[in-house]
Protein backbone atom coordinates (compact mmCIF):
# COMPACT_ATOMS: atom_id res chain seq x y z
CA MET A 1 -104.52 138.29 52.33
CA GLU A 2 -104.94 134.49 51.97
CA LEU A 3 -106.45 134.15 55.73
CA VAL A 4 -108.52 137.37 55.18
CA ARG A 5 -109.85 135.84 52.00
CA LYS A 6 -110.94 132.53 53.77
CA THR A 7 -112.57 133.89 56.88
CA LYS A 8 -114.63 136.09 54.77
CA ALA A 9 -115.94 132.71 52.86
CA MET A 10 -116.73 131.12 55.86
CA ASN A 11 -120.25 131.00 57.72
CA PRO A 12 -120.36 132.10 61.20
CA PHE A 13 -120.66 128.73 62.81
CA SER A 14 -117.24 127.57 61.42
CA LEU A 15 -115.85 131.20 61.64
CA LEU A 16 -115.68 130.45 65.39
CA PHE A 17 -114.31 127.29 64.88
CA TYR A 18 -111.60 128.35 63.44
CA PRO A 19 -109.01 129.50 65.92
CA LYS A 20 -109.44 126.54 67.85
CA LEU A 21 -109.16 124.00 65.25
CA ARG A 22 -106.07 125.90 64.04
CA ILE A 23 -104.60 125.54 67.58
CA ALA A 24 -105.45 121.56 67.58
CA ALA A 25 -103.83 121.46 64.30
CA ARG A 26 -100.50 122.81 65.83
CA THR A 27 -100.29 120.97 68.84
CA TRP A 28 -100.88 117.45 67.30
CA ARG A 29 -98.47 118.64 64.40
CA GLY A 30 -95.78 119.38 67.09
CA LEU A 31 -96.32 116.17 68.77
CA SER A 32 -92.98 113.85 68.22
CA ALA A 33 -93.81 110.70 67.46
CA GLY A 34 -93.00 108.93 71.00
CA LYS A 35 -95.48 110.82 72.55
CA VAL A 36 -98.22 109.58 69.85
CA LEU A 37 -96.76 106.03 70.13
CA ALA A 38 -97.11 106.44 73.95
CA LEU A 39 -100.54 107.76 74.16
CA SER A 40 -101.67 104.94 71.72
CA VAL A 41 -99.71 102.21 73.81
CA LEU A 42 -101.28 103.77 77.09
CA THR A 43 -104.85 103.82 75.51
CA LEU A 44 -104.54 100.54 73.83
CA ALA A 45 -103.64 98.74 76.90
CA PHE A 46 -106.32 100.66 79.17
CA TRP A 47 -108.79 99.47 76.71
CA SER A 48 -107.39 95.90 76.53
CA VAL A 49 -108.10 95.70 80.58
CA VAL A 50 -111.86 97.46 80.59
CA TYR A 51 -112.54 95.02 77.64
CA GLY A 52 -111.04 91.70 79.53
CA ILE A 53 -112.88 93.18 82.55
CA PHE A 54 -116.28 93.55 81.15
CA PHE A 55 -115.54 90.40 78.83
CA ARG A 56 -115.07 88.13 81.74
CA MET A 57 -117.94 89.63 83.55
CA LEU A 58 -120.84 89.41 80.62
CA VAL A 59 -119.29 85.82 80.07
CA TYR A 60 -119.83 85.07 83.49
CA PHE A 61 -123.21 86.63 83.78
CA SER A 62 -124.57 84.83 80.33
CA SER A 63 -123.21 81.79 81.12
CA THR A 64 -125.94 81.87 84.85
CA VAL A 65 -128.95 79.66 83.94
CA ASP A 66 -131.39 82.00 85.53
CA ILE A 67 -130.61 85.18 85.99
CA GLY A 68 -127.46 86.10 83.55
CA LEU A 69 -129.85 88.10 80.97
CA ILE A 70 -130.92 90.37 84.00
CA LEU A 71 -127.55 90.59 85.50
CA THR A 72 -126.29 91.43 82.09
CA VAL A 73 -129.17 94.14 81.66
CA LYS A 74 -128.15 95.82 85.29
CA LEU A 75 -124.51 95.85 84.53
CA ILE A 76 -125.21 97.78 81.16
CA SER A 77 -127.82 100.09 82.76
CA MET A 78 -125.48 100.70 85.80
CA THR A 79 -122.57 101.77 83.26
CA LEU A 80 -124.90 104.19 80.77
CA ILE A 81 -126.36 105.74 84.35
CA SER A 82 -122.36 105.81 85.46
CA PHE A 83 -121.79 107.48 82.21
CA LEU A 84 -124.76 109.70 81.68
CA LEU A 85 -123.82 111.10 85.49
CA ILE A 86 -120.21 111.45 84.70
CA LEU A 87 -121.32 113.63 81.79
CA VAL A 88 -123.91 115.73 83.84
CA VAL A 89 -120.95 117.09 85.95
CA SER A 90 -118.64 117.28 83.94
CA ASN A 91 -120.70 119.67 80.84
CA LEU A 92 -121.53 121.64 83.77
CA ILE A 93 -118.05 122.47 84.80
CA CYS A 94 -117.25 122.87 81.24
CA ALA A 95 -120.17 125.10 80.67
CA PHE A 96 -118.89 127.09 82.84
CA THR A 97 -116.21 127.62 81.54
CA THR A 98 -116.83 128.01 78.02
CA PHE A 99 -119.97 130.29 78.64
CA PHE A 100 -119.08 132.46 80.98
CA PHE A 101 -115.17 132.57 81.97
CA SER A 102 -113.86 132.53 78.55
CA ASP A 103 -111.73 134.98 78.13
CA ASP A 104 -113.04 135.77 74.41
CA LEU A 105 -116.28 136.73 75.15
CA HIS A 106 -116.05 140.18 75.07
CA LEU A 107 -114.61 139.99 71.78
CA LEU A 108 -117.27 137.62 70.47
CA HIS A 109 -120.44 139.65 71.87
CA SER A 110 -118.97 142.79 70.08
CA SER A 111 -118.30 140.68 66.83
CA PRO A 112 -121.07 140.81 63.74
CA VAL A 113 -121.69 137.38 64.73
CA SER A 114 -125.15 136.02 65.86
CA PHE A 115 -125.80 135.17 69.40
CA HIS A 116 -127.40 132.47 68.35
CA SER A 117 -124.23 131.23 66.54
CA ILE A 118 -122.06 131.82 69.24
CA TYR A 119 -124.40 129.76 71.42
CA LEU A 120 -124.60 126.93 69.44
CA ALA A 121 -120.30 127.07 68.85
CA ARG A 122 -120.40 126.87 72.62
CA PHE A 123 -122.41 124.27 72.90
CA ALA A 124 -120.64 122.15 70.20
CA GLU A 125 -117.72 123.18 72.32
CA THR A 126 -118.86 122.01 75.83
CA PHE A 127 -120.22 118.81 74.08
CA PHE A 128 -116.98 117.84 72.67
CA HIS A 129 -114.81 119.18 75.79
CA ALA A 130 -116.77 116.98 78.23
CA SER A 131 -117.94 114.51 76.07
CA TRP A 132 -115.03 112.43 74.83
CA MET A 133 -113.33 110.95 77.58
CA VAL A 134 -117.02 109.22 77.58
CA PHE A 135 -117.23 107.66 74.08
CA LEU A 136 -113.70 106.39 74.15
CA MET A 137 -114.66 104.27 77.73
CA ALA A 138 -117.45 103.15 75.81
CA VAL A 139 -115.76 101.65 72.86
CA PRO A 140 -114.39 98.67 74.71
CA ILE A 141 -117.43 98.22 77.21
CA PHE A 142 -119.76 97.84 73.87
CA ALA A 143 -117.14 95.88 72.07
CA ALA A 144 -117.36 93.05 75.00
CA LEU A 145 -121.02 93.26 75.08
CA GLY A 146 -121.18 92.73 71.07
CA ARG A 147 -118.76 90.07 71.17
CA VAL A 148 -120.88 88.01 73.60
CA PHE A 149 -123.93 88.19 72.51
CA HIS A 150 -122.86 87.82 68.84
CA ALA A 151 -123.54 90.90 67.71
CA ASP A 152 -123.67 91.40 64.08
CA TRP A 153 -122.37 94.67 62.21
CA GLN A 154 -125.76 96.65 62.88
CA PHE A 155 -125.44 96.67 66.40
CA TYR A 156 -121.81 98.39 65.93
CA LEU A 157 -122.66 101.10 63.37
CA SER A 158 -125.76 101.63 65.69
CA LEU A 159 -123.74 102.63 68.20
CA PRO A 160 -122.53 106.09 67.88
CA VAL A 161 -126.49 106.85 66.67
CA LEU A 162 -127.46 105.88 70.32
CA MET A 163 -124.85 107.28 72.17
CA LEU A 164 -125.43 110.58 70.57
CA PRO A 165 -128.42 111.41 72.66
CA LEU A 166 -126.84 110.16 75.77
CA ALA A 167 -124.26 112.96 75.71
CA VAL A 168 -126.35 115.31 73.97
CA ILE A 169 -128.85 115.60 76.80
CA PRO A 170 -126.72 116.12 79.36
CA THR A 171 -124.95 118.72 77.72
CA ALA A 172 -128.04 120.56 77.13
CA ALA A 173 -128.73 120.28 80.73
CA GLY A 174 -125.67 121.26 82.11
CA ILE A 175 -125.64 124.23 79.85
């Protein structure tokens, strides 16, 4: 009865995400502390390796007198273009799954939820599933860039705002 009251009070967009959020919460609660610790250690080890590689490259590039800044700009440009290409391919594959091959499409289209809400929910799902890896990969790269060039706190605060269009545009193109 409580579930019925909760779902009636939700807007259509959050109603479409409610089952997926419950499944995700149940999955995370079911993980043992050992698995969470192992995943955290592996993530931090990977971030440390990527940070170390980019930090050393950026320090070397910045120590080069004449072309150091040009090399740094080219490295960051190549990294962002690689992210963009990865996002386009990932979003294209994920969009096929969420928009065309999902098992619950017949149920959703027969529900009283508008097609606009269904589209926005599928867009957000595609965005999340296809972009989380790029956002996690960007953390050590931009941390190394900020440390080498002595960036202040505004640099780190602006990164999520700047990375959002980098991920939303390929999502729209992939869909």
